[in-house]
Structures are given as C-alpha cells and as structure tokens.
PDB file of all heavy atoms in Angstrom:
ATOM      1  N   SER A   1       0.833  -1.208  -0.070  1.00  0.00           N
ATOM      2  CA  SER A   1       0.077  -0.011   0.018  1.00  0.00           C
ATOM      3  C   SER A   1       0.780   1.253   0.007  1.00  0.00           C
ATOM      4  O   SER A   1       1.908   1.243   0.392  1.00  0.00           O
ATOM      5  CB  SER A   1      -0.951   0.027   1.302  1.00  0.00           C
ATOM      6  OG  SER A   1      -0.127   0.112   2.458  1.00  0.00           O
ATOM      7  N   HIS A   2       0.262   2.280  -0.502  1.00  0.00           N
ATOM      8  CA  HIS A   2       0.795   3.688  -0.352  1.00  0.00           C
ATOM      9  C   HIS A   2      -0.310   4.361   0.388  1.00  0.00           C
ATOM     10  O   HIS A   2      -1.222   4.982  -0.194  1.00  0.00           O
ATOM     11  CB  HIS A   2       0.977   4.278  -1.730  1.00  0.00           C
ATOM     12  CG  HIS A   2       2.155   3.727  -2.500  1.00  0.00           C
ATOM     13  ND1 HIS A   2       2.448   4.163  -3.837  1.00  0.00           N
ATOM     14  CD2 HIS A   2       3.114   2.824  -2.217  1.00  0.00           C
ATOM     15  CE1 HIS A   2       3.537   3.489  -4.240  1.00  0.00           C
ATOM     16  NE2 HIS A   2       3.909   2.730  -3.294  1.00  0.00           N
ATOM     17  N   PRO A   3      -0.379   4.325   1.800  1.00  0.00           N
ATOM     18  CA  PRO A   3      -1.459   4.691   2.437  1.00  0.00           C
ATOM     19  C   PRO A   3      -1.755   6.258   2.488  1.00  0.00           C
ATOM     20  O   PRO A   3      -2.854   6.710   2.637  1.00  0.00           O
ATOM     21  CB  PRO A   3      -1.164   4.310   3.833  1.00  0.00           C
ATOM     22  CG  PRO A   3       0.450   4.173   3.924  1.00  0.00           C
ATOM     23  CD  PRO A   3       0.739   3.740   2.562  1.00  0.00           C
ATOM     24  N   ASP A   4      -0.647   7.105   2.116  1.00  0.00           N
ATOM     25  CA  ASP A   4      -0.941   8.420   2.169  1.00  0.00           C
ATOM     26  C   ASP A   4      -0.769   9.045   0.680  1.00  0.00           C
ATOM     27  O   ASP A   4      -0.628  10.331   0.581  1.00  0.00           O
ATOM     28  CB  ASP A   4       0.057   9.098   3.075  1.00  0.00           C
ATOM     29  CG  ASP A   4      -0.143   8.696   4.505  1.00  0.00           C
ATOM     30  OD1 ASP A   4      -1.231   8.516   4.896  1.00  0.00           O
ATOM     31  OD2 ASP A   4       0.891   8.327   5.206  1.00  0.00           O
ATOM     32  N   GLY A   5      -0.744   8.228  -0.279  1.00  0.00           N
ATOM     33  CA  GLY A   5      -0.580   8.864  -1.700  1.00  0.00           C
ATOM     34  C   GLY A   5      -1.176   7.889  -2.691  1.00  0.00           C
ATOM     35  O   GLY A   5      -1.738   6.870  -2.361  1.00  0.00           O
ATOM     36  N   PRO A   6      -0.921   8.354  -3.923  1.00  0.00           N
ATOM     37  CA  PRO A   6      -1.474   7.622  -5.078  1.00  0.00           C
ATOM     38  C   PRO A   6      -0.587   6.238  -5.235  1.00  0.00           C
ATOM     39  O   PRO A   6       0.345   6.147  -4.745  1.00  0.00           O
ATOM     40  CB  PRO A   6      -1.217   8.510  -6.296  1.00  0.00           C
ATOM     41  CG  PRO A   6      -0.244   9.377  -5.836  1.00  0.00           C
ATOM     42  CD  PRO A   6      -0.303   9.538  -4.402  1.00  0.00           C
ATOM     43  N   ALA A   7      -1.178   5.417  -6.078  1.00  0.00           N
ATOM     44  CA  ALA A   7      -0.747   4.043  -6.351  1.00  0.00           C
ATOM     45  C   ALA A   7       0.366   4.170  -7.402  1.00  0.00           C
ATOM     46  O   ALA A   7       0.509   3.323  -8.307  1.00  0.00           O
ATOM     47  CB  ALA A   7      -1.785   3.047  -6.782  1.00  0.00           C
ATOM     48  N   ASN A   8       1.245   5.214  -7.418  1.00  0.00           N
ATOM     49  CA  ASN A   8       2.168   5.481  -8.437  1.00  0.00           C
ATOM     50  C   ASN A   8       3.357   4.452  -8.222  1.00  0.00           C
ATOM     51  O   ASN A   8       3.676   4.116  -7.088  1.00  0.00           O
ATOM     52  CB  ASN A   8       2.746   6.908  -8.484  1.00  0.00           C
ATOM     53  CG  ASN A   8       1.646   7.809  -8.904  1.00  0.00           C
ATOM     54  OD1 ASN A   8       0.684   7.493  -9.569  1.00  0.00           O
ATOM     55  ND2 ASN A   8       1.884   9.098  -8.484  1.00  0.00           N
ATOM     56  N   LEU A   9       3.967   4.160  -9.306  1.00  0.00           N
ATOM     57  CA  LEU A   9       5.143   3.196  -9.301  1.00  0.00           C
ATOM     58  C   LEU A   9       6.397   3.956  -8.939  1.00  0.00           C
ATOM     59  O   LEU A   9       6.740   4.870  -9.667  1.00  0.00           O
ATOM     60  CB  LEU A   9       5.356   2.597 -10.662  1.00  0.00           C
ATOM     61  CG  LEU A   9       6.462   1.599 -10.828  1.00  0.00           C
ATOM     62  CD1 LEU A   9       6.263   0.326  -9.952  1.00  0.00           C
ATOM     63  CD2 LEU A   9       6.651   1.198 -12.309  1.00  0.00           C
ATOM     64  N   SER A  10       6.990   3.732  -7.808  1.00  0.00           N
ATOM     65  CA  SER A  10       8.158   4.437  -7.351  1.00  0.00           C
ATOM     66  C   SER A  10       9.443   3.737  -7.968  1.00  0.00           C
ATOM     67  O   SER A  10       9.315   2.635  -8.504  1.00  0.00           O
ATOM     68  CB  SER A  10       8.216   4.486  -5.821  1.00  0.00           C
ATOM     69  OG  SER A  10       8.642   3.212  -5.335  1.00  0.00           O
ATOM     70  N   GLN A  11      10.565   4.453  -7.919  1.00  0.00           N
ATOM     71  CA  GLN A  11      11.784   3.833  -8.455  1.00  0.00           C
ATOM     72  C   GLN A  11      12.121   2.654  -7.554  1.00  0.00           C
ATOM     73  O   GLN A  11      12.448   1.476  -8.107  1.00  0.00           O
ATOM     74  CB  GLN A  11      12.915   4.815  -8.376  1.00  0.00           C
ATOM     75  CG  GLN A  11      14.213   4.247  -8.853  1.00  0.00           C
ATOM     76  CD  GLN A  11      15.356   5.131  -8.973  1.00  0.00           C
ATOM     77  OE1 GLN A  11      15.291   6.261  -8.375  1.00  0.00           O
ATOM     78  NE2 GLN A  11      16.530   4.711  -9.405  1.00  0.00           N
ATOM     79  N   ALA A  12      11.810   2.568  -6.231  1.00  0.00           N
ATOM     80  CA  ALA A  12      12.106   1.449  -5.374  1.00  0.00           C
ATOM     81  C   ALA A  12      11.212   0.302  -5.799  1.00  0.00           C
ATOM     82  O   ALA A  12      11.675  -0.853  -5.775  1.00  0.00           O
ATOM     83  CB  ALA A  12      11.841   1.983  -3.891  1.00  0.00           C
ATOM     84  N   ASP A  13       9.887   0.638  -6.022  1.00  0.00           N
ATOM     85  CA  ASP A  13       8.944  -0.458  -6.446  1.00  0.00           C
ATOM     86  C   ASP A  13       9.403  -1.057  -7.667  1.00  0.00           C
ATOM     87  O   ASP A  13       9.341  -2.216  -7.845  1.00  0.00           O
ATOM     88  CB  ASP A  13       7.470   0.251  -6.666  1.00  0.00           C
ATOM     89  CG  ASP A  13       6.824   0.715  -5.449  1.00  0.00           C
ATOM     90  OD1 ASP A  13       7.231   0.317  -4.264  1.00  0.00           O
ATOM     91  OD2 ASP A  13       6.060   1.529  -5.544  1.00  0.00           O
ATOM     92  N   TYR A  14       9.922  -0.180  -8.757  1.00  0.00           N
ATOM     93  CA  TYR A  14      10.228  -0.727  -9.975  1.00  0.00           C
ATOM     94  C   TYR A  14      11.463  -1.741  -9.778  1.00  0.00           C
ATOM     95  O   TYR A  14      11.406  -2.827 -10.384  1.00  0.00           O
ATOM     96  CB  TYR A  14      10.725   0.542 -10.890  1.00  0.00           C
ATOM     97  CG  TYR A  14      11.077   0.104 -12.282  1.00  0.00           C
ATOM     98  CD1 TYR A  14      10.083   0.233 -13.304  1.00  0.00           C
ATOM     99  CD2 TYR A  14      12.307  -0.254 -12.644  1.00  0.00           C
ATOM    100  CE1 TYR A  14      10.393  -0.147 -14.593  1.00  0.00           C
ATOM    101  CE2 TYR A  14      12.642  -0.677 -14.058  1.00  0.00           C
ATOM    102  CZ  TYR A  14      11.644  -0.497 -14.855  1.00  0.00           C
ATOM    103  OH  TYR A  14      11.951  -0.848 -16.238  1.00  0.00           O
ATOM    104  N   LEU A  15      12.457  -1.345  -9.036  1.00  0.00           N
ATOM    105  CA  LEU A  15      13.673  -2.178  -8.833  1.00  0.00           C
ATOM    106  C   LEU A  15      13.253  -3.451  -8.065  1.00  0.00           C
ATOM    107  O   LEU A  15      13.759  -4.548  -8.416  1.00  0.00           O
ATOM    108  CB  LEU A  15      14.645  -1.379  -8.056  1.00  0.00           C
ATOM    109  CG  LEU A  15      15.363  -0.169  -8.865  1.00  0.00           C
ATOM    110  CD1 LEU A  15      16.301   0.538  -7.941  1.00  0.00           C
ATOM    111  CD2 LEU A  15      15.892  -0.644 -10.167  1.00  0.00           C
ATOM    112  N   CYS A  16      12.338  -3.350  -7.111  1.00  0.00           N
ATOM    113  CA  CYS A  16      11.786  -4.551  -6.450  1.00  0.00           C
ATOM    114  C   CYS A  16      11.086  -5.425  -7.343  1.00  0.00           C
ATOM    115  O   CYS A  16      11.289  -6.673  -7.376  1.00  0.00           O
ATOM    116  CB  CYS A  16      10.870  -4.036  -5.256  1.00  0.00           C
ATOM    117  SG  CYS A  16      10.171  -5.423  -4.392  1.00  0.00           S
ATOM    118  N   PHE A  17      10.213  -4.895  -8.192  1.00  0.00           N
ATOM    119  CA  PHE A  17       9.408  -5.789  -9.041  1.00  0.00           C
ATOM    120  C   PHE A  17      10.290  -6.506 -10.027  1.00  0.00           C
ATOM    121  O   PHE A  17      10.032  -7.682 -10.354  1.00  0.00           O
ATOM    122  CB  PHE A  17       8.433  -4.988  -9.792  1.00  0.00           C
ATOM    123  CG  PHE A  17       7.309  -4.295  -8.874  1.00  0.00           C
ATOM    124  CD1 PHE A  17       6.412  -3.451  -9.370  1.00  0.00           C
ATOM    125  CD2 PHE A  17       7.249  -4.664  -7.545  1.00  0.00           C
ATOM    126  CE1 PHE A  17       5.425  -2.773  -8.520  1.00  0.00           C
ATOM    127  CE2 PHE A  17       6.241  -4.083  -6.690  1.00  0.00           C
ATOM    128  CZ  PHE A  17       5.268  -3.191  -7.252  1.00  0.00           C
ATOM    129  N   LEU A  18      11.381  -5.945 -10.511  1.00  0.00           N
ATOM    130  CA  LEU A  18      12.271  -6.575 -11.390  1.00  0.00           C
ATOM    131  C   LEU A  18      12.913  -7.808 -10.793  1.00  0.00           C
ATOM    132  O   LEU A  18      13.322  -8.712 -11.526  1.00  0.00           O
ATOM    133  CB  LEU A  18      13.466  -5.599 -11.856  1.00  0.00           C
ATOM    134  CG  LEU A  18      13.059  -4.476 -12.783  1.00  0.00           C
ATOM    135  CD1 LEU A  18      14.303  -3.539 -12.987  1.00  0.00           C
ATOM    136  CD2 LEU A  18      12.534  -5.054 -14.091  1.00  0.00           C
ATOM    137  N   GLN A  19      12.954  -7.898  -9.406  1.00  0.00           N
ATOM    138  CA  GLN A  19      13.507  -9.052  -8.790  1.00  0.00           C
ATOM    139  C   GLN A  19      12.591 -10.201  -8.771  1.00  0.00           C
ATOM    140  O   GLN A  19      12.941 -11.340  -8.485  1.00  0.00           O
ATOM    141  CB  GLN A  19      13.900  -8.667  -7.387  1.00  0.00           C
ATOM    142  CG  GLN A  19      14.923  -7.576  -7.302  1.00  0.00           C
ATOM    143  CD  GLN A  19      16.196  -7.819  -8.050  1.00  0.00           C
ATOM    144  OE1 GLN A  19      16.825  -8.917  -7.870  1.00  0.00           O
ATOM    145  NE2 GLN A  19      16.545  -6.931  -8.895  1.00  0.00           N
ATOM    146  N   TRP A  20      11.331  -9.993  -9.122  1.00  0.00           N
ATOM    147  CA  TRP A  20      10.240 -11.061  -9.123  1.00  0.00           C
ATOM    148  C   TRP A  20       9.475 -10.982 -10.429  1.00  0.00           C
ATOM    149  O   TRP A  20       8.329 -10.656 -10.463  1.00  0.00           O
ATOM    150  CB  TRP A  20       9.203 -10.678  -7.975  1.00  0.00           C
ATOM    151  CG  TRP A  20       9.878 -10.854  -6.634  1.00  0.00           C
ATOM    152  CD1 TRP A  20      10.380  -9.661  -5.871  1.00  0.00           C
ATOM    153  CD2 TRP A  20      10.073 -11.892  -5.869  1.00  0.00           C
ATOM    154  NE1 TRP A  20      10.925 -10.202  -4.736  1.00  0.00           N
ATOM    155  CE2 TRP A  20      10.782 -11.497  -4.648  1.00  0.00           C
ATOM    156  CE3 TRP A  20       9.917 -13.268  -6.077  1.00  0.00           C
ATOM    157  CZ2 TRP A  20      11.179 -12.508  -3.696  1.00  0.00           C
ATOM    158  CZ3 TRP A  20      10.168 -14.248  -5.003  1.00  0.00           C
ATOM    159  CH2 TRP A  20      10.921 -13.748  -3.932  1.00  0.00           C
ATOM    160  N   PRO A  21      10.233 -11.270 -11.639  1.00  0.00           N
ATOM    161  CA  PRO A  21       9.652 -11.093 -12.894  1.00  0.00           C
ATOM    162  C   PRO A  21       8.450 -12.002 -13.258  1.00  0.00           C
ATOM    163  O   PRO A  21       7.817 -11.756 -14.115  1.00  0.00           O
ATOM    164  CB  PRO A  21      10.800 -11.344 -13.878  1.00  0.00           C
ATOM    165  CG  PRO A  21      11.699 -12.317 -13.009  1.00  0.00           C
ATOM    166  CD  PRO A  21      11.621 -11.813 -11.591  1.00  0.00           C
ATOM    167  N   ASN A  22       8.332 -13.133 -12.460  1.00  0.00           N
ATOM    168  CA  ASN A  22       7.231 -14.013 -12.815  1.00  0.00           C
ATOM    169  C   ASN A  22       5.930 -13.804 -11.932  1.00  0.00           C
ATOM    170  O   ASN A  22       5.005 -14.539 -12.073  1.00  0.00           O
ATOM    171  CB  ASN A  22       7.690 -15.451 -12.477  1.00  0.00           C
ATOM    172  CG  ASN A  22       8.930 -15.834 -13.456  1.00  0.00           C
ATOM    173  OD1 ASN A  22       8.879 -15.417 -14.667  1.00  0.00           O
ATOM    174  ND2 ASN A  22       9.894 -16.575 -12.887  1.00  0.00           N
ATOM    175  N   LEU A  23       6.002 -12.637 -11.148  1.00  0.00           N
ATOM    176  CA  LEU A  23       4.829 -12.380 -10.244  1.00  0.00           C
ATOM    177  C   LEU A  23       4.088 -11.175 -10.786  1.00  0.00           C
ATOM    178  O   LEU A  23       4.622 -10.286 -11.440  1.00  0.00           O
ATOM    179  CB  LEU A  23       5.277 -12.185  -8.917  1.00  0.00           C
ATOM    180  CG  LEU A  23       5.978 -13.383  -8.114  1.00  0.00           C
ATOM    181  CD1 LEU A  23       6.307 -12.890  -6.733  1.00  0.00           C
ATOM    182  CD2 LEU A  23       5.057 -14.535  -8.162  1.00  0.00           C
ATOM    183  N   THR A  24       2.789 -11.041 -10.393  1.00  0.00           N
ATOM    184  CA  THR A  24       2.063  -9.788 -10.594  1.00  0.00           C
ATOM    185  C   THR A  24       2.284  -8.971  -9.386  1.00  0.00           C
ATOM    186  O   THR A  24       2.536  -9.517  -8.343  1.00  0.00           O
ATOM    187  CB  THR A  24       0.541 -10.182 -10.798  1.00  0.00           C
ATOM    188  OG1 THR A  24       0.405 -11.082 -11.927  1.00  0.00           O
ATOM    189  CG2 THR A  24      -0.303  -8.910 -10.987  1.00  0.00           C
ATOM    190  N   HIS A  25       2.241  -7.728  -9.534  1.00  0.00           N
ATOM    191  CA  HIS A  25       2.543  -6.818  -8.456  1.00  0.00           C
ATOM    192  C   HIS A  25       1.392  -5.700  -8.351  1.00  0.00           C
ATOM    193  O   HIS A  25       1.085  -4.914  -9.336  1.00  0.00           O
ATOM    194  CB  HIS A  25       3.913  -6.064  -8.569  1.00  0.00           C
ATOM    195  CG  HIS A  25       4.956  -7.003  -8.709  1.00  0.00           C
ATOM    196  ND1 HIS A  25       5.544  -7.746  -7.642  1.00  0.00           N
ATOM    197  CD2 HIS A  25       5.617  -7.560  -9.863  1.00  0.00           C
ATOM    198  CE1 HIS A  25       6.573  -8.537  -8.205  1.00  0.00           C
ATOM    199  NE2 HIS A  25       6.489  -8.353  -9.476  1.00  0.00           N
ATOM    200  N   TYR A  26       0.676  -5.629  -7.195  1.00  0.00           N
ATOM    201  CA  TYR A  26      -0.444  -4.795  -6.932  1.00  0.00           C
ATOM    202  C   TYR A  26       0.103  -3.472  -5.928  1.00  0.00           C
ATOM    203  O   TYR A  26       0.776  -3.826  -5.004  1.00  0.00           O
ATOM    204  CB  TYR A  26      -1.480  -5.420  -6.303  1.00  0.00           C
ATOM    205  CG  TYR A  26      -2.162  -6.530  -7.079  1.00  0.00           C
ATOM    206  CD1 TYR A  26      -1.757  -7.830  -7.105  1.00  0.00           C
ATOM    207  CD2 TYR A  26      -3.312  -6.222  -7.960  1.00  0.00           C
ATOM    208  CE1 TYR A  26      -2.320  -8.761  -7.769  1.00  0.00           C
ATOM    209  CE2 TYR A  26      -3.777  -7.221  -8.646  1.00  0.00           C
ATOM    210  CZ  TYR A  26      -3.390  -8.515  -8.563  1.00  0.00           C
ATOM    211  OH  TYR A  26      -3.884  -9.459  -9.399  1.00  0.00           O
ATOM    212  N   ILE A  27      -0.360  -2.391  -6.322  1.00  0.00           N
ATOM    213  CA  ILE A  27      -0.071  -1.214  -5.460  1.00  0.00           C
ATOM    214  C   ILE A  27      -1.429  -0.603  -5.142  1.00  0.00           C
ATOM    215  O   ILE A  27      -2.188  -0.263  -6.114  1.00  0.00           O
ATOM    216  CB  ILE A  27       0.871  -0.129  -6.100  1.00  0.00           C
ATOM    217  CG1 ILE A  27       2.160  -0.738  -6.412  1.00  0.00           C
ATOM    218  CG2 ILE A  27       0.990   1.029  -5.072  1.00  0.00           C
ATOM    219  CD1 ILE A  27       3.183   0.209  -7.125  1.00  0.00           C
ATOM    220  N   PHE A  28      -1.774  -0.491  -3.852  1.00  0.00           N
ATOM    221  CA  PHE A  28      -3.010   0.085  -3.475  1.00  0.00           C
ATOM    222  C   PHE A  28      -2.716   1.563  -2.954  1.00  0.00           C
ATOM    223  O   PHE A  28      -1.908   1.695  -1.993  1.00  0.00           O
ATOM    224  CB  PHE A  28      -3.651  -0.655  -2.310  1.00  0.00           C
ATOM    225  CG  PHE A  28      -3.992  -2.039  -2.755  1.00  0.00           C
ATOM    226  CD1 PHE A  28      -3.063  -3.085  -2.745  1.00  0.00           C
ATOM    227  CD2 PHE A  28      -5.329  -2.277  -3.055  1.00  0.00           C
ATOM    228  CE1 PHE A  28      -3.506  -4.389  -3.182  1.00  0.00           C
ATOM    229  CE2 PHE A  28      -5.784  -3.544  -3.438  1.00  0.00           C
ATOM    230  CZ  PHE A  28      -4.778  -4.623  -3.447  1.00  0.00           C
ATOM    231  N   GLY A  29      -3.317   2.534  -3.514  1.00  0.00           N
ATOM    232  CA  GLY A  29      -3.133   3.964  -3.074  1.00  0.00           C
ATOM    233  C   GLY A  29      -4.447   4.598  -2.676  1.00  0.00           C
ATOM    234  O   GLY A  29      -5.473   3.974  -2.825  1.00  0.00           O
ATOM    235  N   VAL A  30      -4.377   5.821  -2.374  1.00  0.00           N
ATOM    236  CA  VAL A  30      -5.584   6.622  -2.056  1.00  0.00           C
ATOM    237  C   VAL A  30      -6.448   6.714  -3.348  1.00  0.00           C
ATOM    238  O   VAL A  30      -7.702   7.033  -3.138  1.00  0.00           O
ATOM    239  CB  VAL A  30      -5.303   7.920  -1.446  1.00  0.00           C
ATOM    240  CG1 VAL A  30      -4.597   7.743  -0.029  1.00  0.00           C
ATOM    241  CG2 VAL A  30      -4.491   8.825  -2.378  1.00  0.00           C
ATOM    242  N   ASP A  31      -5.982   6.588  -4.464  1.00  0.00           N
ATOM    243  CA  ASP A  31      -6.676   6.791  -5.661  1.00  0.00           C
ATOM    244  C   ASP A  31      -7.079   5.409  -6.407  1.00  0.00           C
ATOM    245  O   ASP A  31      -7.594   5.417  -7.476  1.00  0.00           O
ATOM    246  CB  ASP A  31      -5.777   7.572  -6.674  1.00  0.00           C
ATOM    247  CG  ASP A  31      -4.469   6.882  -7.047  1.00  0.00           C
ATOM    248  OD1 ASP A  31      -4.025   5.994  -6.235  1.00  0.00           O
ATOM    249  OD2 ASP A  31      -3.913   7.236  -8.052  1.00  0.00           O
ATOM    250  N   GLY A  32      -6.890   4.277  -5.666  1.00  0.00           N
ATOM    251  CA  GLY A  32      -7.248   3.014  -6.277  1.00  0.00           C
ATOM    252  C   GLY A  32      -6.081   2.073  -6.293  1.00  0.00           C
ATOM    253  O   GLY A  32      -5.071   2.217  -5.527  1.00  0.00           O
ATOM    254  N   VAL A  33      -6.224   1.149  -7.156  1.00  0.00           N
ATOM    255  CA  VAL A  33      -5.199  -0.026  -7.382  1.00  0.00           C
ATOM    256  C   VAL A  33      -4.625   0.008  -8.746  1.00  0.00           C
ATOM    257  O   VAL A  33      -5.352   0.268  -9.734  1.00  0.00           O
ATOM    258  CB  VAL A  33      -5.969  -1.398  -7.139  1.00  0.00           C
ATOM    259  CG1 VAL A  33      -4.846  -2.494  -7.292  1.00  0.00           C
ATOM    260  CG2 VAL A  33      -6.636  -1.405  -5.758  1.00  0.00           C
ATOM    261  N   ARG A  34      -3.318  -0.154  -8.765  1.00  0.00           N
ATOM    262  CA  ARG A  34      -2.627  -0.322 -10.043  1.00  0.00           C
ATOM    263  C   ARG A  34      -1.838  -1.666 -10.049  1.00  0.00           C
ATOM    264  O   ARG A  34      -1.422  -2.137  -9.094  1.00  0.00           O
ATOM    265  CB  ARG A  34      -1.650   0.770 -10.308  1.00  0.00           C
ATOM    266  CG  ARG A  34      -2.331   2.163 -10.506  1.00  0.00           C
ATOM    267  CD  ARG A  34      -1.604   3.400 -10.622  1.00  0.00           C
ATOM    268  NE  ARG A  34      -0.779   3.358 -11.966  1.00  0.00           N
ATOM    269  CZ  ARG A  34       0.202   4.105 -12.180  1.00  0.00           C
ATOM    270  NH1 ARG A  34       0.501   5.095 -11.315  1.00  0.00           N
ATOM    271  NH2 ARG A  34       0.657   4.095 -13.473  1.00  0.00           N
ATOM    272  N   VAL A  35      -1.714  -2.301 -11.216  1.00  0.00           N
ATOM    273  CA  VAL A  35      -1.177  -3.656 -11.351  1.00  0.00           C
ATOM    274  C   VAL A  35      -0.052  -3.544 -12.317  1.00  0.00           C
ATOM    275  O   VAL A  35      -0.151  -2.970 -13.454  1.00  0.00           O
ATOM    276  CB  VAL A  35      -2.307  -4.604 -11.858  1.00  0.00           C
ATOM    277  CG1 VAL A  35      -1.658  -5.935 -11.902  1.00  0.00           C
ATOM    278  CG2 VAL A  35      -3.472  -4.664 -10.984  1.00  0.00           C
ATOM    279  N   PHE A  36       1.042  -4.229 -11.931  1.00  0.00           N
ATOM    280  CA  PHE A  36       2.257  -4.139 -12.757  1.00  0.00           C
ATOM    281  C   PHE A  36       2.845  -5.566 -13.020  1.00  0.00           C
ATOM    282  O   PHE A  36       2.630  -6.506 -12.099  1.00  0.00           O
ATOM    283  CB  PHE A  36       3.403  -3.386 -12.177  1.00  0.00           C
ATOM    284  CG  PHE A  36       2.882  -1.935 -11.849  1.00  0.00           C
ATOM    285  CD1 PHE A  36       2.235  -1.571 -10.739  1.00  0.00           C
ATOM    286  CD2 PHE A  36       3.091  -0.908 -12.903  1.00  0.00           C
ATOM    287  CE1 PHE A  36       1.868  -0.242 -10.496  1.00  0.00           C
ATOM    288  CE2 PHE A  36       2.779   0.374 -12.676  1.00  0.00           C
ATOM    289  CZ  PHE A  36       2.071   0.633 -11.535  1.00  0.00           C
ATOM    290  N   LEU A  37       3.344  -5.819 -14.205  1.00  0.00           N
ATOM    291  CA  LEU A  37       4.054  -7.110 -14.592  1.00  0.00           C
ATOM    292  C   LEU A  37       5.486  -6.635 -15.069  1.00  0.00           C
ATOM    293  O   LEU A  37       5.640  -5.498 -15.479  1.00  0.00           O
ATOM    294  CB  LEU A  37       3.318  -7.825 -15.634  1.00  0.00           C
ATOM    295  CG  LEU A  37       1.920  -8.277 -15.406  1.00  0.00           C
ATOM    296  CD1 LEU A  37       1.263  -8.823 -16.669  1.00  0.00           C
ATOM    297  CD2 LEU A  37       1.947  -9.363 -14.256  1.00  0.00           C
TER     298      LEU A  37
END
C-alpha cells in the first residue's frame, strides 16, 4: 500500500518488481489499485 498517496510506481517499487519477474504486483493507493508485470 501507499497509504498516504497515489498508487504510483516509485523507483524503489520498479527495482523491487524486477527481482520478481514471474509475479504480478499490486499497489494500493488513495486513488485506487494499479497492477504491474
């Protein structure tokens, strides 16, 4: 979650997600949910 902000993809999120290329990644923010692969 991004409890105080939008579900934007941060640089840290980007680098983390690259470590798990076979998984789906969900970010929950105050503006909804975004999904990344």
